[in-house]
Amino acid sequence: MAADDRTEKPTAKRRQEARRKGQVANSSELNGVVVLIAGLAAFLMLGPAIVSASGDAMQAAFSLASKPHTVTSAAGLHGLLSLVLHTLESTVGPIAAVCLAGALIANIAQVRFRPAWSKLKPDFRHVSPIDGFKRVFGKQVGFQLLKTLAKVVIVGGVTAMALVPQITGISAAVGTTPGALGSLMSSNAVSIVERVVAVYLLIGLADLIWSRRQHAKSLKMTKQEVKDESKNAEAPPEVRAAIRRRQYQVMRARMMAAVPTADVVVTNPTHYAVALRYDGTLPAPVVVAKGKNLIAAQIRRVAAEHDVPIVPDPPLARSLYATVPLEAMIPPELYAAVAQVLAFVYRMAGRRKVAA
C-alpha cells in the first residue's frame, strides 16, 4: 500500500493497538541526556565520598600487596575480592543507581508507565537474516548515521569553542600550586560540561519532537481502513442484545405509565390490547400503549385499576396493533371504527353520571 494513501489521522483504537504492541514515540537522545545529567549530578554530590572511598581502597590494596604470602592464600584472595566489591559498591553503585533512576524517569515521562508485555515474548523474526540485512542497510540506518555524525559535530564544536579560549589560561597557570591548579581545572571542566549538556539537551528535545512526528506519520490510516474500523467498532451481539432489552424495558415502563391517561382500551379480548387517548389537541386519537398476550393482560390490569373503559372489539384491536405505531395517530381508514368505540364510551360515562 502506497504511503501517499495514508492521509487520515490515526483513530483512538489504532493508537491503543500500537501502544499495546509497544510502538511509542520515544527519543533515545533525550534518554541519554537525562542519564548524563543524572550521572553528573550524582558525581558532583558524591565526589568527595567517592574520592575518600577510592583512597581507602588503594591504601588497603597497597597494604595487601606488601605481603605477597597473604594475597596468595585463600583468606587473602577473599579479602581482596571483598575489598574490590565494597569499593565498587561505594563508588560506582550510587552513580549507577542514579543513572538507572534517571533513565526510568525519562522513559516514563515520555510514554507513561504502560509496559508492553508482548515484547517479552520470543520472536524468531528478529533472528531472520533477511530482516537483519534490512535493519543494517535500511533507510533508517543511514538517517541514524547522519544524525549521529551531526550530533558529534555539534557537540564537538561547542566543546572546542569552550575549550580553546581556556588554553591560554591553563598555560599561564604554570608554576601554581597543585591545589590551585586542580581548582582551576575543575572550574573549567564544569563550564565545558554545562555547555555540552545544554546543547545535548536541545538535541534531545529536537529528537523527541521528530520521533513523535514520525510515530504519528507511521500510524496514519487510509480512508478505507477508517471505514473498516468504524464497521468493526460495533458492539458485540451480547452487548447489543442487552441494550435492546434495556430499551424495551424503558419503553414498556413509559407505555404502562401512559395507560391511566387513555380514554379507552380496545381488546381482542385476551390476545391484544390497545390503549387510545383523544384529548382534542390532535386531529385523531393516539395509541399510547399496545401489546399482546402478557403485555395485553398487564395493560388491561392497569386500565381496570384506574377505571379506564375496556371495550372488546377483536377486528379493531388487531388492526390497531398491526398498523399503528406506538404514540402515533390512527390512520383515516380507522376513524369510523374508533369513533364508534369512543361514542360508546362517552355514552356509558354519561349514563353513569346521570345515575350517580
Protein backbone atom coordinates (compact mmCIF):
# COMPACT_ATOMS: atom_id res chain seq x y z
CA MET A 1 0.00 0.00 0.00
CA ALA A 2 1.43 3.37 -1.01
CA ALA A 3 2.35 5.74 1.76
CA ASP A 4 0.52 8.56 -0.08
CA ASP A 5 -2.78 6.77 0.55
CA ARG A 6 -2.38 7.15 4.30
CA THR A 7 -3.89 10.60 4.66
CA GLU A 8 -6.20 10.11 7.66
CA LYS A 9 -5.23 10.72 11.27
CA PRO A 10 -4.99 7.58 13.40
CA THR A 11 -8.06 6.71 15.40
CA ALA A 12 -8.04 6.15 19.14
CA LYS A 13 -8.27 2.40 18.58
CA ARG A 14 -5.25 2.45 16.25
CA ARG A 15 -3.23 4.35 18.86
CA GLN A 16 -4.25 1.93 21.59
CA GLU A 17 -3.26 -1.09 19.47
CA ALA A 18 0.12 0.48 18.71
CA ARG A 19 0.60 1.22 22.39
CA ARG A 20 -0.28 -2.36 23.30
CA LYS A 21 2.36 -3.59 20.84
CA GLY A 22 4.99 -1.28 22.34
CA GLN A 23 5.02 1.13 19.38
CA VAL A 24 5.53 4.51 21.06
CA ALA A 25 7.33 7.77 20.30
CA ASN A 26 10.46 7.58 22.41
CA SER A 27 13.64 9.63 21.99
CA SER A 28 16.83 7.78 22.83
CA GLU A 29 18.73 11.06 22.65
CA LEU A 30 16.58 12.58 25.39
CA ASN A 31 17.05 9.46 27.49
CA GLY A 32 20.80 9.77 27.03
CA VAL A 33 20.95 13.42 28.08
CA VAL A 34 18.82 12.73 31.18
CA VAL A 35 21.14 9.88 32.16
CA LEU A 36 24.13 12.14 31.57
CA ILE A 37 22.69 14.92 33.73
CA ALA A 38 21.78 12.44 36.46
CA GLY A 39 25.26 10.91 36.40
CA LEU A 40 26.99 14.28 36.54
CA ALA A 41 24.76 15.46 39.37
CA ALA A 42 25.46 12.29 41.32
CA PHE A 43 29.18 12.63 40.70
CA LEU A 44 29.19 16.25 41.90
CA MET A 45 27.25 15.39 45.05
CA LEU A 46 29.07 12.16 45.83
CA GLY A 47 32.51 13.20 44.54
CA PRO A 48 34.20 13.70 47.94
CA ALA A 49 32.83 10.40 49.27
CA ILE A 50 33.97 8.59 46.11
CA VAL A 51 37.48 10.07 46.35
CA SER A 52 37.71 9.11 50.02
CA ALA A 53 36.48 5.56 49.37
CA SER A 54 38.88 5.18 46.44
CA GLY A 55 41.80 6.41 48.57
CA ASP A 56 40.97 3.98 51.35
CA ALA A 57 40.71 1.14 48.82
CA MET A 58 44.09 1.99 47.30
CA GLN A 59 45.74 2.08 50.74
CA ALA A 60 44.23 -1.28 51.61
CA ALA A 61 45.33 -2.73 48.27
CA PHE A 62 48.91 -1.48 48.73
CA SER A 63 48.91 -2.92 52.24
CA LEU A 64 47.90 -6.33 50.87
CA ALA A 65 50.44 -6.06 48.05
CA SER A 66 53.23 -5.54 50.57
CA LYS A 67 52.51 -9.02 51.91
CA PRO A 68 52.58 -11.37 48.90
CA HIS A 69 52.21 -14.51 51.01
CA THR A 70 48.96 -13.12 52.43
CA VAL A 71 47.47 -12.34 49.00
CA THR A 72 48.20 -15.79 47.64
CA SER A 73 46.33 -17.52 50.46
CA ALA A 74 42.60 -18.25 50.33
CA ALA A 75 41.86 -15.78 53.08
CA GLY A 76 43.91 -13.12 51.31
CA LEU A 77 42.13 -13.65 47.98
CA HIS A 78 38.78 -13.49 49.75
CA GLY A 79 39.79 -10.24 51.44
CA LEU A 80 40.97 -8.74 48.14
CA LEU A 81 37.71 -9.72 46.42
CA SER A 82 35.68 -8.25 49.28
CA LEU A 83 37.71 -5.05 49.04
CA VAL A 84 37.05 -4.74 45.29
CA LEU A 85 33.32 -5.40 45.66
CA HIS A 86 32.99 -2.98 48.55
CA THR A 87 34.86 -0.30 46.58
CA LEU A 88 32.60 -0.77 43.55
CA GLU A 89 29.52 -0.69 45.77
CA SER A 90 30.54 2.55 47.48
CA THR A 91 31.81 4.37 44.36
CA VAL A 92 30.17 3.05 41.17
CA GLY A 93 26.98 1.75 42.80
CA PRO A 94 25.38 5.08 43.81
CA ILE A 95 26.11 6.70 40.45
CA ALA A 96 24.77 3.67 38.58
CA ALA A 97 21.60 3.72 40.69
CA VAL A 98 21.05 7.43 39.99
CA CYS A 99 21.61 6.90 36.25
CA LEU A 100 19.15 3.99 36.25
CA ALA A 101 16.56 6.11 38.04
CA GLY A 102 17.10 8.91 35.52
CA ALA A 103 16.60 6.51 32.60
CA LEU A 104 13.37 5.16 34.10
CA ILE A 105 12.02 8.66 34.79
CA ALA A 106 12.89 9.83 31.26
CA ASN A 107 11.11 6.86 29.66
CA ILE A 108 8.03 7.11 31.89
CA ALA A 109 7.82 10.87 31.28
CA GLN A 110 7.78 10.29 27.51
CA VAL A 111 5.45 7.32 27.17
CA ARG A 112 3.91 6.92 30.67
CA PHE A 113 4.05 3.64 32.56
CA ARG A 114 2.26 1.15 30.32
CA PRO A 115 4.55 -1.84 29.85
CA ALA A 116 4.08 -3.86 26.66
CA TRP A 117 4.37 -7.43 27.91
CA SER A 118 4.10 -8.75 24.33
CA LYS A 119 7.65 -7.51 23.76
CA LEU A 120 8.89 -10.11 26.26
CA LYS A 121 7.67 -12.97 24.07
CA PRO A 122 10.35 -14.54 21.87
CA ASP A 123 10.06 -13.53 18.22
CA PHE A 124 12.16 -15.58 15.80
CA ARG A 125 11.74 -12.92 13.13
CA HIS A 126 14.36 -10.92 14.99
CA VAL A 127 16.97 -13.55 14.11
CA SER A 128 15.95 -13.69 10.45
CA PRO A 129 18.94 -12.95 8.14
CA ILE A 130 16.71 -11.05 5.71
CA ASP A 131 15.23 -8.84 8.40
CA GLY A 132 18.69 -8.35 9.87
CA PHE A 133 20.02 -7.26 6.47
CA LYS A 134 17.17 -4.75 6.16
CA ARG A 135 17.90 -3.36 9.60
CA VAL A 136 21.61 -3.00 8.85
CA PHE A 137 21.30 -1.50 5.36
CA GLY A 138 17.86 0.11 5.51
CA LYS A 139 17.00 3.77 5.08
CA GLN A 140 16.67 4.33 8.82
CA VAL A 141 20.25 3.19 9.38
CA GLY A 142 21.55 5.86 7.00
CA PHE A 143 19.45 8.50 8.67
CA GLN A 144 20.59 7.43 12.14
CA LEU A 145 24.21 7.57 10.96
CA LEU A 146 23.77 11.11 9.66
CA LYS A 147 22.04 12.11 12.89
CA THR A 148 24.90 10.68 14.96
CA LEU A 149 27.52 12.45 12.85
CA ALA A 150 25.61 15.74 13.14
CA LYS A 151 25.39 15.29 16.90
CA VAL A 152 29.13 14.62 17.16
CA VAL A 153 29.92 17.68 15.04
CA ILE A 154 27.62 19.96 17.06
CA VAL A 155 28.75 18.74 20.47
CA GLY A 156 32.39 18.69 19.39
CA GLY A 157 32.12 22.22 18.02
CA VAL A 158 30.60 23.54 21.24
CA THR A 159 33.27 21.77 23.27
CA ALA A 160 36.05 23.24 21.13
CA MET A 161 34.56 26.74 21.39
CA ALA A 162 34.52 26.41 25.17
CA LEU A 163 37.97 24.78 25.45
CA VAL A 164 40.13 26.83 23.07
CA PRO A 165 39.78 30.16 24.95
CA GLN A 166 40.87 28.43 28.15
CA ILE A 167 44.14 27.05 26.75
CA THR A 168 45.97 30.34 27.32
CA GLY A 169 44.65 30.46 30.88
CA ILE A 170 45.97 26.98 31.55
CA SER A 171 49.43 27.85 30.17
CA ALA A 172 49.51 30.92 32.41
CA ALA A 173 48.85 28.72 35.42
CA VAL A 174 52.26 27.06 35.15
CA GLY A 175 54.04 27.24 38.48
CA THR A 176 50.89 27.42 40.57
CA THR A 177 50.33 25.08 43.46
CA PRO A 178 48.66 21.71 42.82
CA GLY A 179 45.60 22.77 44.80
CA ALA A 180 45.14 25.96 42.80
CA LEU A 181 45.72 24.12 39.51
CA GLY A 182 43.17 21.48 40.47
CA SER A 183 40.61 24.14 41.35
CA LEU A 184 41.23 25.89 38.01
CA MET A 185 40.91 22.66 36.04
CA SER A 186 37.74 21.75 37.93
CA SER A 187 36.04 25.08 37.23
CA ASN A 188 37.00 24.91 33.53
CA ALA A 189 35.71 21.36 33.27
CA VAL A 190 32.39 22.30 34.89
CA SER A 191 31.98 25.21 32.46
CA ILE A 192 32.60 22.94 29.46
CA VAL A 193 30.26 20.25 30.77
CA GLU A 194 27.46 22.78 31.34
CA ARG A 195 27.63 23.95 27.72
CA VAL A 196 27.79 20.43 26.36
CA VAL A 197 24.82 19.34 28.47
CA ALA A 198 22.78 22.37 27.35
CA VAL A 199 23.45 21.61 23.68
CA TYR A 200 22.82 17.91 24.20
CA LEU A 201 19.52 18.72 25.91
CA LEU A 202 18.41 20.81 22.92
CA ILE A 203 19.34 17.92 20.63
CA GLY A 204 17.31 15.52 22.78
CA LEU A 205 14.22 17.77 22.71
CA ALA A 206 14.50 18.16 18.93
CA ASP A 207 14.84 14.40 18.57
CA LEU A 208 11.74 13.89 20.74
CA ILE A 209 9.68 16.21 18.51
CA TRP A 210 10.93 14.44 15.40
CA SER A 211 10.24 11.00 16.89
CA ARG A 212 6.66 11.94 17.74
CA ARG A 213 6.06 13.31 14.25
CA GLN A 214 7.45 10.15 12.67
CA HIS A 215 5.39 7.99 15.01
CA ALA A 216 2.19 9.88 14.16
CA LYS A 217 3.04 9.58 10.46
CA SER A 218 3.59 5.84 10.75
CA LEU A 219 0.15 5.41 12.36
CA LYS A 220 -1.75 7.28 9.65
CA MET A 221 -4.55 5.32 8.03
CA THR A 222 -6.21 5.14 4.65
CA LYS A 223 -9.84 6.15 4.23
CA GLN A 224 -10.77 2.50 3.68
CA GLU A 225 -9.08 1.49 6.95
CA VAL A 226 -11.06 4.15 8.80
CA LYS A 227 -14.30 2.86 7.25
CA ASP A 228 -13.46 -0.76 8.07
CA GLU A 229 -12.60 0.12 11.66
CA SER A 230 -15.85 2.03 12.01
CA LYS A 231 -17.77 -1.05 10.87
CA ASN A 232 -15.86 -3.35 13.20
CA ALA A 233 -16.34 -0.96 16.12
CA GLU A 234 -19.94 -2.10 16.54
CA ALA A 235 -20.72 -3.65 19.88
CA PRO A 236 -20.71 -7.47 20.21
CA PRO A 237 -24.06 -9.27 19.85
CA GLU A 238 -24.33 -9.78 23.62
CA VAL A 239 -23.92 -6.04 24.26
CA ARG A 240 -26.40 -5.10 21.54
CA ALA A 241 -28.92 -7.58 22.98
CA ALA A 242 -28.51 -6.11 26.46
CA ILE A 243 -29.03 -2.59 25.06
CA ARG A 244 -32.18 -3.71 23.25
CA ARG A 245 -33.52 -5.30 26.43
CA ARG A 246 -32.88 -2.14 28.39
CA GLN A 247 -34.56 -0.02 25.73
CA TYR A 248 -37.57 -2.36 25.70
CA GLN A 249 -37.87 -2.16 29.47
CA VAL A 250 -37.81 1.64 29.40
CA MET A 251 -40.37 1.74 26.59
CA ARG A 252 -42.63 -0.71 28.40
CA ALA A 253 -42.48 1.27 31.65
CA ARG A 254 -43.29 4.50 29.80
CA MET A 255 -46.15 2.79 27.98
CA MET A 256 -47.68 1.44 31.19
CA ALA A 257 -47.42 4.87 32.77
CA ALA A 258 -49.50 6.26 29.87
CA VAL A 259 -52.35 3.71 30.23
CA PRO A 260 -54.14 5.64 33.04
CA THR A 261 -54.33 8.69 30.73
CA ALA A 262 -56.10 6.73 27.98
CA ASP A 263 -59.81 7.17 27.13
CA VAL A 264 -60.40 3.55 26.15
CA VAL A 265 -58.62 0.18 25.83
CA VAL A 266 -59.66 -1.90 22.83
CA THR A 267 -59.11 -5.65 23.31
CA ASN A 268 -59.26 -8.89 21.33
CA PRO A 269 -60.45 -9.59 24.14
CA THR A 270 -57.49 -11.62 25.54
CA HIS A 271 -54.68 -11.68 22.97
CA TYR A 272 -54.44 -7.98 22.03
CA ALA A 273 -54.94 -4.71 23.88
CA VAL A 274 -54.56 -1.16 22.51
CA ALA A 275 -54.98 1.98 24.64
CA LEU A 276 -56.27 5.11 22.85
CA ARG A 277 -56.26 8.71 24.01
CA TYR A 278 -58.11 11.62 22.42
CA ASP A 279 -57.87 15.00 24.12
CA GLY A 280 -58.86 17.20 21.19
CA THR A 281 -55.43 18.78 20.70
CA LEU A 282 -54.68 16.45 17.76
CA PRO A 283 -56.79 15.66 14.69
CA ALA A 284 -57.18 11.97 15.66
CA PRO A 285 -56.78 9.65 18.66
CA VAL A 286 -53.28 8.47 19.58
CA VAL A 287 -52.11 4.95 20.50
CA VAL A 288 -50.45 5.37 23.89
CA ALA A 289 -49.98 1.66 24.67
CA LYS A 290 -50.34 -1.64 22.86
CA GLY A 291 -49.33 -5.26 23.36
CA LYS A 292 -50.35 -8.86 23.10
CA ASN A 293 -50.55 -11.82 25.44
CA LEU A 294 -48.79 -10.91 28.72
CA ILE A 295 -48.36 -7.24 27.80
CA ALA A 296 -52.05 -7.09 26.83
CA ALA A 297 -53.00 -8.59 30.19
CA GLN A 298 -50.88 -6.01 32.01
CA ILE A 299 -52.49 -3.18 30.02
CA ARG A 300 -55.95 -4.45 30.93
CA ARG A 301 -54.95 -4.75 34.60
CA VAL A 302 -53.59 -1.19 34.77
CA ALA A 303 -56.67 0.11 32.94
CA ALA A 304 -59.01 -1.64 35.36
CA GLU A 305 -57.09 -0.24 38.34
CA HIS A 306 -57.56 3.33 37.02
CA ASP A 307 -61.17 2.92 35.78
CA VAL A 308 -60.23 3.19 32.10
CA PRO A 309 -63.04 1.65 29.96
CA ILE A 310 -62.17 -1.68 28.32
CA VAL A 311 -64.10 -2.40 25.09
CA PRO A 312 -63.83 -5.80 23.35
CA ASP A 313 -63.53 -5.34 19.55
CA PRO A 314 -61.26 -8.08 18.08
CA PRO A 315 -61.06 -6.77 14.45
CA LEU A 316 -60.31 -3.20 15.55
CA ALA A 317 -57.81 -4.34 18.20
CA ARG A 318 -55.88 -6.46 15.70
CA SER A 319 -55.90 -3.65 13.09
CA LEU A 320 -54.69 -1.04 15.59
CA TYR A 321 -51.94 -3.33 16.89
CA ALA A 322 -50.69 -4.25 13.41
CA THR A 323 -50.87 -0.89 11.62
CA VAL A 324 -50.44 1.94 14.14
CA PRO A 325 -47.05 2.56 15.79
CA LEU A 326 -46.81 3.49 19.43
CA GLU A 327 -47.50 7.19 20.16
CA ALA A 328 -48.87 7.69 16.62
CA MET A 329 -52.29 8.85 15.45
CA ILE A 330 -54.68 6.31 13.96
CA PRO A 331 -54.98 6.28 10.14
CA PRO A 332 -58.07 7.74 8.41
CA GLU A 333 -59.41 4.29 7.46
CA LEU A 334 -59.93 3.52 11.15
CA TYR A 335 -61.62 6.81 12.05
CA ALA A 336 -65.14 5.40 11.80
CA ALA A 337 -64.50 2.30 13.88
CA VAL A 338 -62.63 4.23 16.58
CA ALA A 339 -65.30 6.93 16.62
CA GLN A 340 -67.97 4.30 17.31
CA VAL A 341 -65.95 2.94 20.24
CA LEU A 342 -65.35 6.40 21.70
CA ALA A 343 -69.01 7.30 21.27
CA PHE A 344 -69.99 4.17 23.15
CA VAL A 345 -67.55 5.00 25.93
CA TYR A 346 -68.82 8.59 26.22
CA ARG A 347 -72.45 7.39 26.32
CA MET A 348 -71.64 4.90 29.08
CA ALA A 349 -69.81 7.60 31.01
CA GLY A 350 -72.76 9.94 30.65
CA ARG A 351 -75.19 7.32 31.88
CA ARG A 352 -73.04 6.68 34.94
CA LYS A 353 -73.02 10.37 35.73
CA VAL A 354 -76.82 10.60 35.39
CA ALA A 355 -77.27 7.51 37.56
CA ALA A 356 -74.97 8.99 40.15
